Amino acid sequence: MQRRNFLVAAGAAFLAGCSDIGKTEWFGKLVDGAQDWHRGLHRALGGGRITMAPEYTIADLSPFFRGNGSQTVDTPAYRAAEAQGFADWRLAISGLVENPGELSMDDIRALPQRTQITRHDCVEGWSAIGEWTGPQLSRILDAAVVKPEANFIVFHCADNLNGSQYYESCDMDDAFHPQTIIAHELNGEALPVRNGAPLRLRIERQLGYKHAKYLTGIEAVASLDDFGKGYGGYWEDRGYQWYAGI
């Protein structure tokens, strides 16, 4: 836990101070190298076993779980879906899979569910503990039968920030991690709009910006080059690290 707290604090301080030097070529190469080192260290600390993010109890729940980034999706389609309780929302499964298709909210709720109480650590320096419920991403990917050439999962989202569509990605280790879930409940209730209704990613071993909200699709891909600016996520395209492990 001390290591987790240190990495969150260090990451927040680092990103807060790098707005100018982050524009230089040498600094970009340095960040890329540090990211690879960070990812390797994070995985190596597990000693070859699956490392789990800390889980908490009901007594530890934060009294209010704030929203961050997009607080809603300002489109007619999303507002119509919200008015209908997201009954017709679909999660598309695509890319390098044997069985592409769509999952309805009923389909997602019918899958075996995992409930976990975890701490959300934002790169801005705040944290909150919440109880999340949803199917493990691994179950969805197993049913889709991911092809061997797939190296990443890209998460497509309904929200748009500053004229660019939000998206995120992870490697297969995190995609198949038991704590990586597609959450549709927070604290025993349907996911609030401010927290990404009706579906959001929970990828518990990484910082908050990796937990994509308003999910519309998951896509198995060999490379991240064709998405955004090719760095693997909305914020990564703007200088954040792709691997944000804590």
C-alpha atoms as a PDB file:
ATOM      1  CA  MET A   1       0.000   0.000   0.000  1.00  0.00           C
ATOM      2  CA  GLN A   2       2.897   2.368   0.733  1.00  0.00           C
ATOM      3  CA  ARG A   3       4.276   1.677  -2.731  1.00  0.00           C
ATOM      4  CA  ARG A   4       0.841   2.372  -4.250  1.00  0.00           C
ATOM      5  CA  ASN A   5       0.539   5.693  -2.392  1.00  0.00           C
ATOM      6  CA  PHE A   6       4.054   6.707  -3.430  1.00  0.00           C
ATOM      7  CA  LEU A   7       3.420   6.039  -7.105  1.00  0.00           C
ATOM      8  CA  VAL A   8       0.157   7.998  -7.074  1.00  0.00           C
ATOM      9  CA  ALA A   9       1.765  10.991  -5.394  1.00  0.00           C
ATOM     10  CA  ALA A  10       4.835  10.846  -7.605  1.00  0.00           C
ATOM     11  CA  GLY A  11       2.738  10.556 -10.745  1.00  0.00           C
ATOM     12  CA  ALA A  12       0.586  13.536  -9.805  1.00  0.00           C
ATOM     13  CA  ALA A  13       3.619  15.691  -9.039  1.00  0.00           C
ATOM     14  CA  PHE A  14       5.399  14.581 -12.195  1.00  0.00           C
ATOM     15  CA  LEU A  15       2.513  15.316 -14.539  1.00  0.00           C
ATOM     16  CA  ALA A  16       1.714  18.615 -12.860  1.00  0.00           C
ATOM     17  CA  GLY A  17       5.221  19.850 -13.515  1.00  0.00           C
ATOM     18  CA  CYS A  18       5.898  18.628 -17.036  1.00  0.00           C
ATOM     19  CA  SER A  19       3.609  20.779 -19.174  1.00  0.00           C
ATOM     20  CA  ASP A  20       6.476  22.665 -20.801  1.00  0.00           C
ATOM     21  CA  ILE A  21       9.329  20.162 -20.972  1.00  0.00           C
ATOM     22  CA  GLY A  22       6.849  17.532 -22.122  1.00  0.00           C
ATOM     23  CA  LYS A  23       6.821  19.242 -25.522  1.00  0.00           C
ATOM     24  CA  THR A  24      10.461  18.441 -26.240  1.00  0.00           C
ATOM     25  CA  GLU A  25      11.615  15.405 -28.227  1.00  0.00           C
ATOM     26  CA  TRP A  26      14.206  14.219 -25.714  1.00  0.00           C
ATOM     27  CA  PHE A  27      11.707  14.363 -22.886  1.00  0.00           C
ATOM     28  CA  GLY A  28       9.217  12.276 -24.860  1.00  0.00           C
ATOM     29  CA  LYS A  29      11.869   9.595 -25.333  1.00  0.00           C
ATOM     30  CA  LEU A  30      12.693   9.730 -21.632  1.00  0.00           C
ATOM     31  CA  VAL A  31       9.037   9.285 -20.665  1.00  0.00           C
ATOM     32  CA  ASP A  32       8.660   6.358 -23.063  1.00  0.00           C
ATOM     33  CA  GLY A  33      11.679   4.665 -21.523  1.00  0.00           C
ATOM     34  CA  ALA A  34      10.460   5.298 -17.984  1.00  0.00           C
ATOM     35  CA  GLN A  35       7.068   3.902 -18.895  1.00  0.00           C
ATOM     36  CA  ASP A  36       8.585   0.636 -20.139  1.00  0.00           C
ATOM     37  CA  TRP A  37      10.671   0.414 -16.954  1.00  0.00           C
ATOM     38  CA  HIS A  38       7.607   1.120 -14.813  1.00  0.00           C
ATOM     39  CA  ARG A  39       5.531  -1.525 -16.561  1.00  0.00           C
ATOM     40  CA  GLY A  40       8.285  -4.131 -16.263  1.00  0.00           C
ATOM     41  CA  LEU A  41       8.876  -3.357 -12.588  1.00  0.00           C
ATOM     42  CA  HIS A  42       5.165  -3.444 -11.800  1.00  0.00           C
ATOM     43  CA  ARG A  43       4.835  -6.884 -13.391  1.00  0.00           C
ATOM     44  CA  ALA A  44       8.100  -8.196 -11.898  1.00  0.00           C
ATOM     45  CA  LEU A  45       7.031  -7.271  -8.362  1.00  0.00           C
ATOM     46  CA  GLY A  46       4.345  -9.925  -8.722  1.00  0.00           C
ATOM     47  CA  GLY A  47       7.039 -12.593  -8.875  1.00  0.00           C
ATOM     48  CA  GLY A  48       5.276 -14.403 -11.723  1.00  0.00           C
ATOM     49  CA  ARG A  49       1.923 -14.500  -9.933  1.00  0.00           C
ATOM     50  CA  ILE A  50      -1.199 -12.424 -10.426  1.00  0.00           C
ATOM     51  CA  THR A  51      -0.937  -9.315  -8.252  1.00  0.00           C
ATOM     52  CA  MET A  52      -4.194  -7.902  -6.959  1.00  0.00           C
ATOM     53  CA  ALA A  53      -5.121  -4.330  -6.114  1.00  0.00           C
ATOM     54  CA  PRO A  54      -6.113  -3.922  -2.443  1.00  0.00           C
ATOM     55  CA  GLU A  55      -9.778  -4.530  -1.670  1.00  0.00           C
ATOM     56  CA  TYR A  56     -11.697  -2.931   1.199  1.00  0.00           C
ATOM     57  CA  THR A  57     -14.888  -3.351   3.225  1.00  0.00           C
ATOM     58  CA  ILE A  58     -18.284  -1.649   3.196  1.00  0.00           C
ATOM     59  CA  ALA A  59     -17.157   0.381   6.198  1.00  0.00           C
ATOM     60  CA  ASP A  60     -14.410   1.924   4.057  1.00  0.00           C
ATOM     61  CA  LEU A  61     -16.704   3.292   1.325  1.00  0.00           C
ATOM     62  CA  SER A  62     -16.321   6.987   0.565  1.00  0.00           C
ATOM     63  CA  PRO A  63     -19.459   8.990   1.413  1.00  0.00           C
ATOM     64  CA  PHE A  64     -19.491  10.422  -2.121  1.00  0.00           C
ATOM     65  CA  PHE A  65     -17.755   9.123  -5.214  1.00  0.00           C
ATOM     66  CA  ARG A  66     -17.041  12.183  -7.323  1.00  0.00           C
ATOM     67  CA  GLY A  67     -17.097  12.274 -11.079  1.00  0.00           C
ATOM     68  CA  ASN A  68     -14.126  13.507 -13.059  1.00  0.00           C
ATOM     69  CA  GLY A  69     -13.439  14.398 -16.668  1.00  0.00           C
ATOM     70  CA  SER A  70     -16.666  14.020 -18.616  1.00  0.00           C
ATOM     71  CA  GLN A  71     -19.676  14.266 -16.284  1.00  0.00           C
ATOM     72  CA  THR A  72     -22.167  13.315 -19.000  1.00  0.00           C
ATOM     73  CA  VAL A  73     -22.369  12.853 -22.756  1.00  0.00           C
ATOM     74  CA  ASP A  74     -23.967  15.855 -24.447  1.00  0.00           C
ATOM     75  CA  THR A  75     -25.484  14.171 -27.492  1.00  0.00           C
ATOM     76  CA  PRO A  76     -29.125  13.535 -28.452  1.00  0.00           C
ATOM     77  CA  ALA A  77     -28.446   9.798 -28.655  1.00  0.00           C
ATOM     78  CA  TYR A  78     -27.042   9.628 -25.133  1.00  0.00           C
ATOM     79  CA  ARG A  79     -29.799  11.793 -23.652  1.00  0.00           C
ATOM     80  CA  ALA A  80     -32.403   9.556 -25.291  1.00  0.00           C
ATOM     81  CA  ALA A  81     -30.677   6.453 -23.935  1.00  0.00           C
ATOM     82  CA  GLU A  82     -30.531   7.971 -20.448  1.00  0.00           C
ATOM     83  CA  ALA A  83     -34.262   8.806 -20.580  1.00  0.00           C
ATOM     84  CA  GLN A  84     -34.961   5.141 -21.344  1.00  0.00           C
ATOM     85  CA  GLY A  85     -32.797   3.886 -18.512  1.00  0.00           C
ATOM     86  CA  PHE A  86     -30.199   2.680 -21.044  1.00  0.00           C
ATOM     87  CA  ALA A  87     -32.454  -0.255 -21.886  1.00  0.00           C
ATOM     88  CA  ASP A  88     -31.241  -0.301 -25.499  1.00  0.00           C
ATOM     89  CA  TRP A  89     -27.566   0.351 -24.814  1.00  0.00           C
ATOM     90  CA  ARG A  90     -25.194  -2.005 -26.607  1.00  0.00           C
ATOM     91  CA  LEU A  91     -21.557  -2.930 -26.061  1.00  0.00           C
ATOM     92  CA  ALA A  92     -19.949  -3.924 -29.360  1.00  0.00           C
ATOM     93  CA  ILE A  93     -17.318  -6.669 -29.400  1.00  0.00           C
ATOM     94  CA  SER A  94     -15.104  -6.363 -32.475  1.00  0.00           C
ATOM     95  CA  GLY A  95     -11.661  -6.644 -33.988  1.00  0.00           C
ATOM     96  CA  LEU A  96      -9.465  -9.719 -33.815  1.00  0.00           C
ATOM     97  CA  VAL A  97     -12.064 -12.088 -32.359  1.00  0.00           C
ATOM     98  CA  GLU A  98     -13.739 -15.203 -33.707  1.00  0.00           C
ATOM     99  CA  ASN A  99     -17.180 -14.179 -32.456  1.00  0.00           C
ATOM    100  CA  PRO A 100     -17.856 -10.440 -32.927  1.00  0.00           C
ATOM    101  CA  GLY A 101     -21.213  -9.108 -31.823  1.00  0.00           C
ATOM    102  CA  GLU A 102     -23.046  -6.927 -29.312  1.00  0.00           C
ATOM    103  CA  LEU A 103     -24.051  -7.321 -25.694  1.00  0.00           C
ATOM    104  CA  SER A 104     -27.201  -5.698 -24.320  1.00  0.00           C
ATOM    105  CA  MET A 105     -27.446  -4.510 -20.745  1.00  0.00           C
ATOM    106  CA  ASP A 106     -29.524  -7.619 -19.986  1.00  0.00           C
ATOM    107  CA  ASP A 107     -26.761  -9.756 -21.492  1.00  0.00           C
ATOM    108  CA  ILE A 108     -24.172  -8.049 -19.299  1.00  0.00           C
ATOM    109  CA  ARG A 109     -26.263  -8.439 -16.145  1.00  0.00           C
ATOM    110  CA  ALA A 110     -26.872 -12.127 -16.969  1.00  0.00           C
ATOM    111  CA  LEU A 111     -23.143 -12.906 -16.976  1.00  0.00           C
ATOM    112  CA  PRO A 112     -21.440 -14.066 -13.757  1.00  0.00           C
ATOM    113  CA  GLN A 113     -20.756 -10.925 -11.737  1.00  0.00           C
ATOM    114  CA  ARG A 114     -17.799  -9.796  -9.684  1.00  0.00           C
ATOM    115  CA  THR A 115     -18.201  -7.255  -6.880  1.00  0.00           C
ATOM    116  CA  GLN A 116     -15.083  -5.549  -5.564  1.00  0.00           C
ATOM    117  CA  ILE A 117     -14.468  -2.649  -3.217  1.00  0.00           C
ATOM    118  CA  THR A 118     -11.405  -0.779  -4.428  1.00  0.00           C
ATOM    119  CA  ARG A 119      -9.720   2.600  -4.260  1.00  0.00           C
ATOM    120  CA  HIS A 120      -9.796   4.866  -7.291  1.00  0.00           C
ATOM    121  CA  ASP A 121      -6.622   6.960  -7.473  1.00  0.00           C
ATOM    122  CA  CYS A 122      -6.746  10.010  -9.716  1.00  0.00           C
ATOM    123  CA  VAL A 123      -3.583  11.471 -11.217  1.00  0.00           C
ATOM    124  CA  GLU A 124      -4.800  14.841  -9.876  1.00  0.00           C
ATOM    125  CA  GLY A 125      -4.119  13.581  -6.345  1.00  0.00           C
ATOM    126  CA  TRP A 126      -7.532  12.575  -4.958  1.00  0.00           C
ATOM    127  CA  SER A 127      -8.823   9.101  -4.117  1.00  0.00           C
ATOM    128  CA  ALA A 128     -12.186   7.484  -3.367  1.00  0.00           C
ATOM    129  CA  ILE A 129     -13.276   3.993  -2.383  1.00  0.00           C
ATOM    130  CA  GLY A 130     -16.281   2.445  -4.114  1.00  0.00           C
ATOM    131  CA  GLU A 131     -17.987  -0.897  -4.592  1.00  0.00           C
ATOM    132  CA  TRP A 132     -18.121  -1.906  -8.242  1.00  0.00           C
ATOM    133  CA  THR A 133     -20.129  -4.727  -9.815  1.00  0.00           C
ATOM    134  CA  GLY A 134     -19.952  -6.185 -13.301  1.00  0.00           C
ATOM    135  CA  PRO A 135     -18.702  -9.131 -15.329  1.00  0.00           C
ATOM    136  CA  GLN A 136     -15.001  -9.738 -15.689  1.00  0.00           C
ATOM    137  CA  LEU A 137     -13.698  -8.567 -19.031  1.00  0.00           C
ATOM    138  CA  SER A 138     -11.983 -11.932 -19.392  1.00  0.00           C
ATOM    139  CA  ARG A 139     -15.367 -13.705 -19.575  1.00  0.00           C
ATOM    140  CA  ILE A 140     -16.459 -11.475 -22.434  1.00  0.00           C
ATOM    141  CA  LEU A 141     -13.168 -11.974 -24.265  1.00  0.00           C
ATOM    142  CA  ASP A 142     -13.232 -15.732 -23.727  1.00  0.00           C
ATOM    143  CA  ALA A 143     -16.713 -15.905 -25.254  1.00  0.00           C
ATOM    144  CA  ALA A 144     -15.553 -13.763 -28.173  1.00  0.00           C
ATOM    145  CA  VAL A 145     -12.447 -15.990 -28.629  1.00  0.00           C
ATOM    146  CA  VAL A 146      -9.606 -13.510 -29.075  1.00  0.00           C
ATOM    147  CA  LYS A 147      -7.270 -14.367 -31.944  1.00  0.00           C
ATOM    148  CA  PRO A 148      -3.581 -15.044 -31.173  1.00  0.00           C
ATOM    149  CA  GLU A 149      -2.385 -11.978 -33.085  1.00  0.00           C
ATOM    150  CA  ALA A 150      -4.282  -9.584 -30.774  1.00  0.00           C
ATOM    151  CA  ASN A 151      -1.974  -7.685 -28.404  1.00  0.00           C
ATOM    152  CA  PHE A 152      -4.267  -4.990 -26.993  1.00  0.00           C
ATOM    153  CA  ILE A 153      -7.878  -4.236 -26.146  1.00  0.00           C
ATOM    154  CA  VAL A 154      -9.166  -0.795 -27.164  1.00  0.00           C
ATOM    155  CA  PHE A 155     -12.132   0.658 -25.270  1.00  0.00           C
ATOM    156  CA  HIS A 156     -14.442   2.911 -27.268  1.00  0.00           C
ATOM    157  CA  CYS A 157     -16.490   5.535 -25.430  1.00  0.00           C
ATOM    158  CA  ALA A 158     -19.471   7.780 -26.109  1.00  0.00           C
ATOM    159  CA  ASP A 159     -17.975  10.940 -24.616  1.00  0.00           C
ATOM    160  CA  ASN A 160     -16.112  13.605 -26.543  1.00  0.00           C
ATOM    161  CA  LEU A 161     -13.586  15.927 -24.921  1.00  0.00           C
ATOM    162  CA  ASN A 162     -12.426  19.072 -26.700  1.00  0.00           C
ATOM    163  CA  GLY A 163     -13.439  17.727 -30.076  1.00  0.00           C
ATOM    164  CA  SER A 164     -11.840  14.282 -29.716  1.00  0.00           C
ATOM    165  CA  GLN A 165     -13.533  10.999 -28.919  1.00  0.00           C
ATOM    166  CA  TYR A 166     -12.433   9.438 -25.650  1.00  0.00           C
ATOM    167  CA  TYR A 167     -10.815   6.033 -25.851  1.00  0.00           C
ATOM    168  CA  GLU A 168      -8.462   3.877 -23.816  1.00  0.00           C
ATOM    169  CA  SER A 169      -6.555   0.613 -24.121  1.00  0.00           C
ATOM    170  CA  CYS A 170      -4.718  -2.058 -22.178  1.00  0.00           C
ATOM    171  CA  ASP A 171      -2.560  -5.079 -22.871  1.00  0.00           C
ATOM    172  CA  MET A 172      -3.742  -8.664 -22.540  1.00  0.00           C
ATOM    173  CA  ASP A 173      -2.305  -9.086 -19.043  1.00  0.00           C
ATOM    174  CA  ASP A 174      -4.598  -6.375 -17.699  1.00  0.00           C
ATOM    175  CA  ALA A 175      -7.505  -7.380 -19.947  1.00  0.00           C
ATOM    176  CA  PHE A 176      -7.553 -10.867 -18.435  1.00  0.00           C
ATOM    177  CA  HIS A 177      -6.785  -9.763 -14.873  1.00  0.00           C
ATOM    178  CA  PRO A 178      -9.524 -10.970 -12.461  1.00  0.00           C
ATOM    179  CA  GLN A 179     -10.155  -7.438 -11.162  1.00  0.00           C
ATOM    180  CA  THR A 180     -10.658  -5.925 -14.618  1.00  0.00           C
ATOM    181  CA  ILE A 181     -14.424  -5.679 -14.977  1.00  0.00           C
ATOM    182  CA  ILE A 182     -17.062  -3.909 -17.050  1.00  0.00           C
ATOM    183  CA  ALA A 183     -18.938  -2.199 -14.222  1.00  0.00           C
ATOM    184  CA  HIS A 184     -22.630  -1.324 -14.375  1.00  0.00           C
ATOM    185  CA  GLU A 185     -23.171  -0.734 -10.638  1.00  0.00           C
ATOM    186  CA  LEU A 186     -21.566   1.530  -8.062  1.00  0.00           C
ATOM    187  CA  ASN A 187     -22.292   0.920  -4.377  1.00  0.00           C
ATOM    188  CA  GLY A 188     -25.135  -1.461  -5.187  1.00  0.00           C
ATOM    189  CA  GLU A 189     -26.980   0.935  -7.500  1.00  0.00           C
ATOM    190  CA  ALA A 190     -27.021   1.482 -11.244  1.00  0.00           C
ATOM    191  CA  LEU A 191     -23.931   3.412 -12.279  1.00  0.00           C
ATOM    192  CA  PRO A 192     -24.583   7.188 -12.044  1.00  0.00           C
ATOM    193  CA  VAL A 193     -24.170   9.283 -15.169  1.00  0.00           C
ATOM    194  CA  ARG A 194     -21.328  11.287 -13.606  1.00  0.00           C
ATOM    195  CA  ASN A 195     -19.427   8.029 -13.092  1.00  0.00           C
ATOM    196  CA  GLY A 196     -19.885   6.734 -16.625  1.00  0.00           C
ATOM    197  CA  ALA A 197     -23.357   5.194 -16.969  1.00  0.00           C
ATOM    198  CA  PRO A 198     -24.298   2.720 -18.099  1.00  0.00           C
ATOM    199  CA  LEU A 199     -20.915   0.962 -18.420  1.00  0.00           C
ATOM    200  CA  ARG A 200     -17.377   1.787 -17.440  1.00  0.00           C
ATOM    201  CA  LEU A 201     -14.093  -0.035 -17.296  1.00  0.00           C
ATOM    202  CA  ARG A 202     -12.536  -0.839 -13.949  1.00  0.00           C
ATOM    203  CA  ILE A 203      -8.869  -1.678 -14.382  1.00  0.00           C
ATOM    204  CA  GLU A 204      -7.926  -1.597 -10.733  1.00  0.00           C
ATOM    205  CA  ARG A 205      -4.144  -1.706 -10.943  1.00  0.00           C
ATOM    206  CA  GLN A 206      -3.934   1.544 -12.917  1.00  0.00           C
ATOM    207  CA  LEU A 207      -4.642   5.249 -12.364  1.00  0.00           C
ATOM    208  CA  GLY A 208      -8.118   6.695 -12.846  1.00  0.00           C
ATOM    209  CA  TYR A 209      -7.767   8.037 -16.386  1.00  0.00           C
ATOM    210  CA  LYS A 210      -7.418   4.419 -17.596  1.00  0.00           C
ATOM    211  CA  HIS A 211     -10.923   3.584 -16.281  1.00  0.00           C
ATOM    212  CA  ALA A 212     -12.830   4.529 -19.431  1.00  0.00           C
ATOM    213  CA  LYS A 213     -16.471   5.626 -19.010  1.00  0.00           C
ATOM    214  CA  TYR A 214     -19.601   5.508 -21.192  1.00  0.00           C
ATOM    215  CA  LEU A 215     -18.376   2.350 -22.921  1.00  0.00           C
ATOM    216  CA  THR A 216     -19.775   1.572 -26.343  1.00  0.00           C
ATOM    217  CA  GLY A 217     -17.313  -1.052 -27.543  1.00  0.00           C
ATOM    218  CA  ILE A 218     -14.257  -3.173 -26.934  1.00  0.00           C
ATOM    219  CA  GLU A 219     -11.960  -4.057 -29.814  1.00  0.00           C
ATOM    220  CA  ALA A 220      -9.112  -6.562 -29.920  1.00  0.00           C
ATOM    221  CA  VAL A 221      -6.222  -5.235 -32.018  1.00  0.00           C
ATOM    222  CA  ALA A 222      -2.643  -6.065 -32.918  1.00  0.00           C
ATOM    223  CA  SER A 223      -1.423  -2.442 -32.738  1.00  0.00           C
ATOM    224  CA  LEU A 224      -2.525   0.895 -31.288  1.00  0.00           C
ATOM    225  CA  ASP A 225      -1.172   2.889 -34.236  1.00  0.00           C
ATOM    226  CA  ASP A 226      -4.546   3.467 -35.909  1.00  0.00           C
ATOM    227  CA  PHE A 227      -6.300   4.971 -32.877  1.00  0.00           C
ATOM    228  CA  GLY A 228      -6.100   8.658 -31.987  1.00  0.00           C
ATOM    229  CA  LYS A 229      -2.492   9.735 -32.287  1.00  0.00           C
ATOM    230  CA  GLY A 230      -1.284   6.188 -31.755  1.00  0.00           C
ATOM    231  CA  TYR A 231      -0.380   6.398 -28.070  1.00  0.00           C
ATOM    232  CA  GLY A 232      -3.224   4.241 -26.758  1.00  0.00           C
ATOM    233  CA  GLY A 233      -5.645   6.675 -25.139  1.00  0.00           C
ATOM    234  CA  TYR A 234      -7.141  10.167 -25.086  1.00  0.00           C
ATOM    235  CA  TRP A 235      -4.844  11.437 -22.341  1.00  0.00           C
ATOM    236  CA  GLU A 236      -1.890   9.446 -23.584  1.00  0.00           C
ATOM    237  CA  ASP A 237      -2.204  11.305 -26.882  1.00  0.00           C
ATOM    238  CA  ARG A 238      -1.703  14.436 -24.779  1.00  0.00           C
ATOM    239  CA  GLY A 239       1.427  13.327 -22.923  1.00  0.00           C
ATOM    240  CA  TYR A 240       0.247  10.955 -20.171  1.00  0.00           C
ATOM    241  CA  GLN A 241       1.866   7.558 -19.813  1.00  0.00           C
ATOM    242  CA  TRP A 242       0.068   4.640 -21.472  1.00  0.00           C
ATOM    243  CA  TYR A 243       0.963   2.285 -18.625  1.00  0.00           C
ATOM    244  CA  ALA A 244      -0.284   3.920 -15.438  1.00  0.00           C
ATOM    245  CA  GLY A 245       0.198   1.065 -12.984  1.00  0.00           C
ATOM    246  CA  ILE A 246      -0.035   1.666  -9.239  1.00  0.00           C
END
